[in-house]
Amino acid sequence: LTAGALDLAIGSGPELAMVVKGAPEIGVAALADAPYAVVLTVLNDGPKTIADLKGKKISVSTRGGLTYWLAQELSRRQGWGTDGFNITPLGATTAQTAALRTRQIDGMIVEVNAGYRLEEEKSGRVLVQFGDLLKTFHIYILYAHTEFAAKNPAAVRSFLAGWLETIDWMQKNRERTIDIVRRKTDVSQALATRDYDELSGMFNKTGRFNPEALKVLSRSFIEMGTLPAEPDVTKLITEQFLPGTK
């Protein structure tokens, strides 16, 4: 996106901090809210409670990313400050899963299907569903390259209209959506059904930003060390391309 190779991109809420750092992008819609797409997973014979994980090694994708901040937030909510876990960035989910299976780590914070697959295999279990923990949030935001948005506002509007129409269709067509998930992501019927029932509600139906969720994101920039001070987040987003706006 920074290189101009992309016009639009779906990223996490904390990606907004990159706008402050000069990335040529702007948030144009809140796509999903509570982080139901992320879980903390352990092995079946691993820690039984969050308290059992104090001081233990927990993997995340990257330092300073969404999963890193969620690990910090979980630690804070346990009263341990930001360093209650030994947070270990390991990159891709495949690497994290391999490390968990070989007991190099005690838990991993990954996308939800990685945890669901281990449960389906009866080798692991989801210990924390972050969507239940953090209700006020924007886990996914649609970003537009600033130059593209300025030159092609109709294209951005059209994409957002199509996106929101798709979300509406999904929520009105449960069985057909589950079938698409099953076929396109190569998961079992049971897992596709669980995906739908647990995750479909997180999608934002209007694309509008929640001021309280933006406050949480602004706080996260400081807590992750991404920015030295909280920015005016309203300057990093716009709702001008959403349906019904002028």
Protein backbone atom coordinates (compact mmCIF):
# COMPACT_ATOMS: atom_id res chain seq x y z
CA LEU A 1 0.00 0.00 0.00
CA THR A 2 2.80 2.40 0.87
CA ALA A 3 4.50 1.65 -2.44
CA GLY A 4 1.31 2.41 -4.32
CA ALA A 5 0.84 -1.19 -5.49
CA LEU A 6 -2.52 -1.40 -3.70
CA ASP A 7 -5.44 0.97 -3.76
CA LEU A 8 -7.38 -0.53 -0.85
CA ALA A 9 -6.35 -2.84 1.97
CA ILE A 10 -7.94 -4.52 4.97
CA GLY A 11 -5.81 -4.16 8.08
CA SER A 12 -6.11 -4.25 11.85
CA GLY A 13 -7.24 -1.30 13.94
CA PRO A 14 -3.73 -0.63 15.29
CA GLU A 15 -2.59 -0.07 11.69
CA LEU A 16 -4.00 3.45 12.11
CA ALA A 17 -0.78 4.35 13.90
CA MET A 18 1.06 3.97 10.60
CA VAL A 19 -0.92 6.91 9.23
CA VAL A 20 0.65 9.08 11.93
CA LYS A 21 4.05 7.80 10.88
CA GLY A 22 3.50 8.97 7.35
CA ALA A 23 1.99 5.99 5.53
CA PRO A 24 -0.07 7.34 2.58
CA GLU A 25 -3.33 5.79 3.74
CA ILE A 26 -6.54 6.68 5.53
CA GLY A 27 -9.14 4.56 7.31
CA VAL A 28 -12.37 4.72 5.31
CA ALA A 29 -14.58 2.22 7.12
CA ALA A 30 -14.77 0.11 10.27
CA LEU A 31 -15.21 -3.41 8.90
CA ALA A 32 -15.36 -5.44 12.11
CA ASP A 33 -15.54 -4.60 15.77
CA ALA A 34 -14.97 -6.94 18.75
CA PRO A 35 -11.94 -9.20 18.02
CA TYR A 36 -13.75 -12.53 17.71
CA ALA A 37 -11.28 -13.51 15.00
CA VAL A 38 -8.45 -13.93 17.54
CA VAL A 39 -8.06 -16.50 20.34
CA LEU A 40 -5.50 -17.72 22.84
CA THR A 41 -5.04 -21.47 22.40
CA VAL A 42 -3.25 -24.04 24.57
CA LEU A 43 -2.72 -27.79 24.41
CA ASN A 44 -5.29 -30.00 26.08
CA ASP A 45 -2.91 -30.88 28.89
CA GLY A 46 -1.59 -27.31 29.10
CA PRO A 47 -2.59 -24.50 31.46
CA LYS A 48 -6.20 -24.72 32.62
CA THR A 49 -6.79 -21.05 33.42
CA ILE A 50 -5.38 -17.66 32.45
CA ALA A 51 -3.80 -17.46 35.91
CA ASP A 52 -1.79 -20.59 35.09
CA LEU A 53 -0.13 -18.71 32.24
CA LYS A 54 1.53 -16.06 34.40
CA GLY A 55 5.20 -15.90 33.47
CA LYS A 56 4.71 -18.48 30.72
CA LYS A 57 5.74 -18.16 27.08
CA ILE A 58 2.93 -16.94 24.80
CA SER A 59 3.50 -16.57 21.06
CA VAL A 60 2.18 -13.76 18.85
CA SER A 61 2.77 -12.90 15.21
CA THR A 62 4.90 -9.75 15.49
CA ARG A 63 6.06 -7.27 18.08
CA GLY A 64 3.90 -4.16 18.03
CA GLY A 65 1.05 -5.85 16.15
CA LEU A 66 -2.54 -6.60 17.14
CA THR A 67 -1.82 -9.98 18.75
CA TYR A 68 1.07 -8.46 20.72
CA TRP A 69 -1.20 -5.77 22.12
CA LEU A 70 -3.93 -8.30 22.93
CA ALA A 71 -1.39 -10.27 24.98
CA GLN A 72 -0.49 -7.09 26.85
CA GLU A 73 -4.14 -6.20 27.37
CA LEU A 74 -4.92 -9.66 28.74
CA SER A 75 -1.98 -9.35 31.13
CA ARG A 76 -3.17 -5.92 32.29
CA ARG A 77 -6.65 -7.24 32.94
CA GLN A 78 -5.17 -9.90 35.18
CA GLY A 79 -3.49 -7.18 37.23
CA TRP A 80 0.01 -8.16 36.07
CA GLY A 81 0.92 -5.04 34.10
CA THR A 82 2.05 -5.48 30.51
CA ASP A 83 4.66 -8.16 31.17
CA GLY A 84 2.70 -10.90 32.91
CA PHE A 85 3.48 -13.21 29.99
CA ASN A 86 6.73 -13.91 28.19
CA ILE A 87 5.47 -12.60 24.83
CA THR A 88 7.31 -14.29 21.97
CA PRO A 89 6.87 -13.12 18.34
CA LEU A 90 7.03 -16.17 16.05
CA GLY A 91 5.54 -14.99 12.78
CA ALA A 92 3.12 -17.16 10.84
CA THR A 93 0.43 -19.28 12.48
CA THR A 94 2.05 -22.45 11.14
CA ALA A 95 5.25 -21.66 13.04
CA GLN A 96 3.30 -20.88 16.21
CA THR A 97 1.28 -24.08 15.96
CA ALA A 98 4.46 -26.12 15.46
CA ALA A 99 6.02 -24.46 18.50
CA LEU A 100 2.93 -25.23 20.59
CA ARG A 101 2.82 -28.86 19.50
CA THR A 102 6.49 -29.28 20.40
CA ARG A 103 5.94 -27.45 23.72
CA GLN A 104 8.38 -24.66 22.98
CA ILE A 105 5.60 -22.27 24.01
CA ASP A 106 2.72 -22.59 26.48
CA GLY A 107 0.06 -20.83 24.42
CA MET A 108 -0.43 -18.93 21.19
CA ILE A 109 -2.52 -15.92 20.19
CA VAL A 110 -3.65 -16.64 16.65
CA GLU A 111 -6.55 -16.39 14.24
CA VAL A 112 -9.56 -18.26 15.46
CA ASN A 113 -9.51 -21.16 12.98
CA ALA A 114 -6.08 -22.27 14.19
CA GLY A 115 -7.57 -22.74 17.65
CA TYR A 116 -10.73 -24.35 16.32
CA ARG A 117 -8.72 -26.83 14.25
CA LEU A 118 -6.78 -27.97 17.32
CA GLU A 119 -10.05 -28.42 19.19
CA GLU A 120 -11.47 -30.40 16.28
CA GLU A 121 -8.35 -32.59 16.35
CA LYS A 122 -8.82 -32.90 20.13
CA SER A 123 -5.22 -31.81 20.72
CA GLY A 124 -5.83 -28.26 21.93
CA ARG A 125 -8.46 -25.89 23.27
CA VAL A 126 -9.33 -22.22 23.13
CA LEU A 127 -8.62 -20.67 26.52
CA VAL A 128 -9.48 -17.03 25.66
CA GLN A 129 -11.87 -15.69 23.03
CA PHE A 130 -10.77 -12.06 22.72
CA GLY A 131 -14.14 -10.96 21.36
CA ASP A 132 -15.66 -11.84 24.72
CA LEU A 133 -12.89 -9.99 26.53
CA LEU A 134 -12.85 -6.75 24.51
CA LYS A 135 -16.28 -5.64 23.31
CA THR A 136 -15.43 -2.07 22.26
CA PHE A 137 -12.88 -2.24 19.47
CA HIS A 138 -12.31 -2.13 15.71
CA ILE A 139 -10.36 -5.25 14.81
CA TYR A 140 -10.50 -4.63 11.05
CA ILE A 141 -10.51 -1.35 9.15
CA LEU A 142 -10.53 -0.71 5.42
CA TYR A 143 -7.69 1.56 4.36
CA ALA A 144 -7.46 3.48 1.11
CA HIS A 145 -4.31 4.89 -0.43
CA THR A 146 -4.72 8.64 0.03
CA GLU A 147 -3.96 9.47 -3.59
CA PHE A 148 -6.33 6.80 -4.88
CA ALA A 149 -9.12 8.02 -2.58
CA ALA A 150 -8.62 11.61 -3.73
CA LYS A 151 -8.62 10.75 -7.44
CA ASN A 152 -11.21 7.95 -7.39
CA PRO A 153 -13.78 8.68 -4.68
CA ALA A 154 -16.51 6.90 -6.64
CA ALA A 155 -14.46 3.69 -6.68
CA VAL A 156 -14.00 3.81 -2.90
CA ARG A 157 -17.73 4.45 -2.44
CA SER A 158 -18.61 1.57 -4.74
CA PHE A 159 -16.30 -0.85 -2.95
CA LEU A 160 -17.76 0.06 0.43
CA ALA A 161 -21.32 -0.23 -0.87
CA GLY A 162 -20.51 -3.68 -2.23
CA TRP A 163 -18.83 -4.73 0.99
CA LEU A 164 -21.76 -3.70 3.18
CA GLU A 165 -24.21 -5.34 0.79
CA THR A 166 -22.19 -8.56 1.09
CA ILE A 167 -22.25 -8.44 4.90
CA ASP A 168 -26.00 -7.92 4.80
CA TRP A 169 -26.40 -10.89 2.45
CA MET A 170 -24.24 -13.11 4.66
CA GLN A 171 -26.27 -12.30 7.74
CA LYS A 172 -29.53 -13.07 5.91
CA ASN A 173 -28.28 -16.28 4.27
CA ARG A 174 -26.73 -18.40 6.99
CA GLU A 175 -26.72 -21.82 5.30
CA ARG A 176 -25.46 -20.57 1.94
CA THR A 177 -22.71 -18.56 3.63
CA ILE A 178 -21.62 -21.57 5.70
CA ASP A 179 -21.38 -23.61 2.50
CA ILE A 180 -19.21 -20.95 0.86
CA VAL A 181 -16.93 -20.84 3.93
CA ARG A 182 -16.63 -24.64 3.91
CA ARG A 183 -15.70 -24.83 0.24
CA LYS A 184 -13.47 -21.78 -0.05
CA THR A 185 -11.45 -22.27 3.14
CA ASP A 186 -11.32 -26.07 3.05
CA VAL A 187 -12.68 -26.66 6.53
CA SER A 188 -15.21 -29.15 7.86
CA GLN A 189 -18.93 -28.44 7.93
CA ALA A 190 -18.78 -28.22 11.73
CA LEU A 191 -15.94 -25.71 11.64
CA ALA A 192 -17.58 -23.60 8.93
CA THR A 193 -20.77 -23.52 11.01
CA ARG A 194 -18.86 -22.50 14.12
CA ASP A 195 -17.11 -19.78 12.12
CA TYR A 196 -20.40 -18.34 11.03
CA ASP A 197 -22.20 -18.56 14.36
CA GLU A 198 -19.37 -17.09 16.40
CA LEU A 199 -17.86 -14.57 13.98
CA SER A 200 -20.60 -13.18 11.75
CA GLY A 201 -21.82 -10.82 14.46
CA MET A 202 -18.51 -8.97 14.65
CA PHE A 203 -18.90 -7.43 11.19
CA ASN A 204 -19.88 -3.78 11.23
CA LYS A 205 -23.15 -3.27 9.32
CA THR A 206 -22.65 0.43 8.60
CA GLY A 207 -18.88 0.93 8.38
CA ARG A 208 -19.11 3.80 10.83
CA PHE A 209 -16.45 4.31 13.47
CA ASN A 210 -17.25 4.06 17.18
CA PRO A 211 -15.62 6.97 19.09
CA GLU A 212 -15.07 4.74 22.14
CA ALA A 213 -13.40 2.06 20.03
CA LEU A 214 -11.13 4.72 18.55
CA LYS A 215 -10.13 5.74 22.08
CA VAL A 216 -9.08 2.15 22.80
CA LEU A 217 -7.02 2.07 19.62
CA SER A 218 -5.41 5.40 20.46
CA ARG A 219 -4.44 4.03 23.87
CA SER A 220 -3.01 0.90 22.25
CA PHE A 221 -0.52 2.97 20.23
CA ILE A 222 1.11 4.14 23.46
CA GLU A 223 0.96 0.77 25.18
CA MET A 224 2.67 -0.97 22.25
CA GLY A 225 5.31 1.73 22.02
CA THR A 226 4.24 2.53 18.45
CA LEU A 227 3.74 6.24 19.15
CA PRO A 228 5.04 8.52 21.94
CA ALA A 229 1.66 10.18 22.49
CA GLU A 230 -1.97 9.58 21.61
CA PRO A 231 -2.88 11.17 18.26
CA ASP A 232 -6.12 12.79 17.24
CA VAL A 233 -7.54 9.61 15.76
CA THR A 234 -10.34 11.47 14.00
CA LYS A 235 -7.73 12.87 11.62
CA LEU A 236 -6.68 9.35 10.60
CA ILE A 237 -10.12 8.28 9.36
CA THR A 238 -13.01 9.54 7.27
CA GLU A 239 -16.61 8.45 6.79
CA GLN A 240 -17.12 10.50 3.62
CA PHE A 241 -17.14 7.42 1.36
CA LEU A 242 -19.78 5.47 3.28
CA PRO A 243 -23.25 4.99 1.78
CA GLY A 244 -25.58 7.83 2.72
CA THR A 245 -22.81 10.41 3.14
CA LYS A 246 -22.01 13.32 0.89
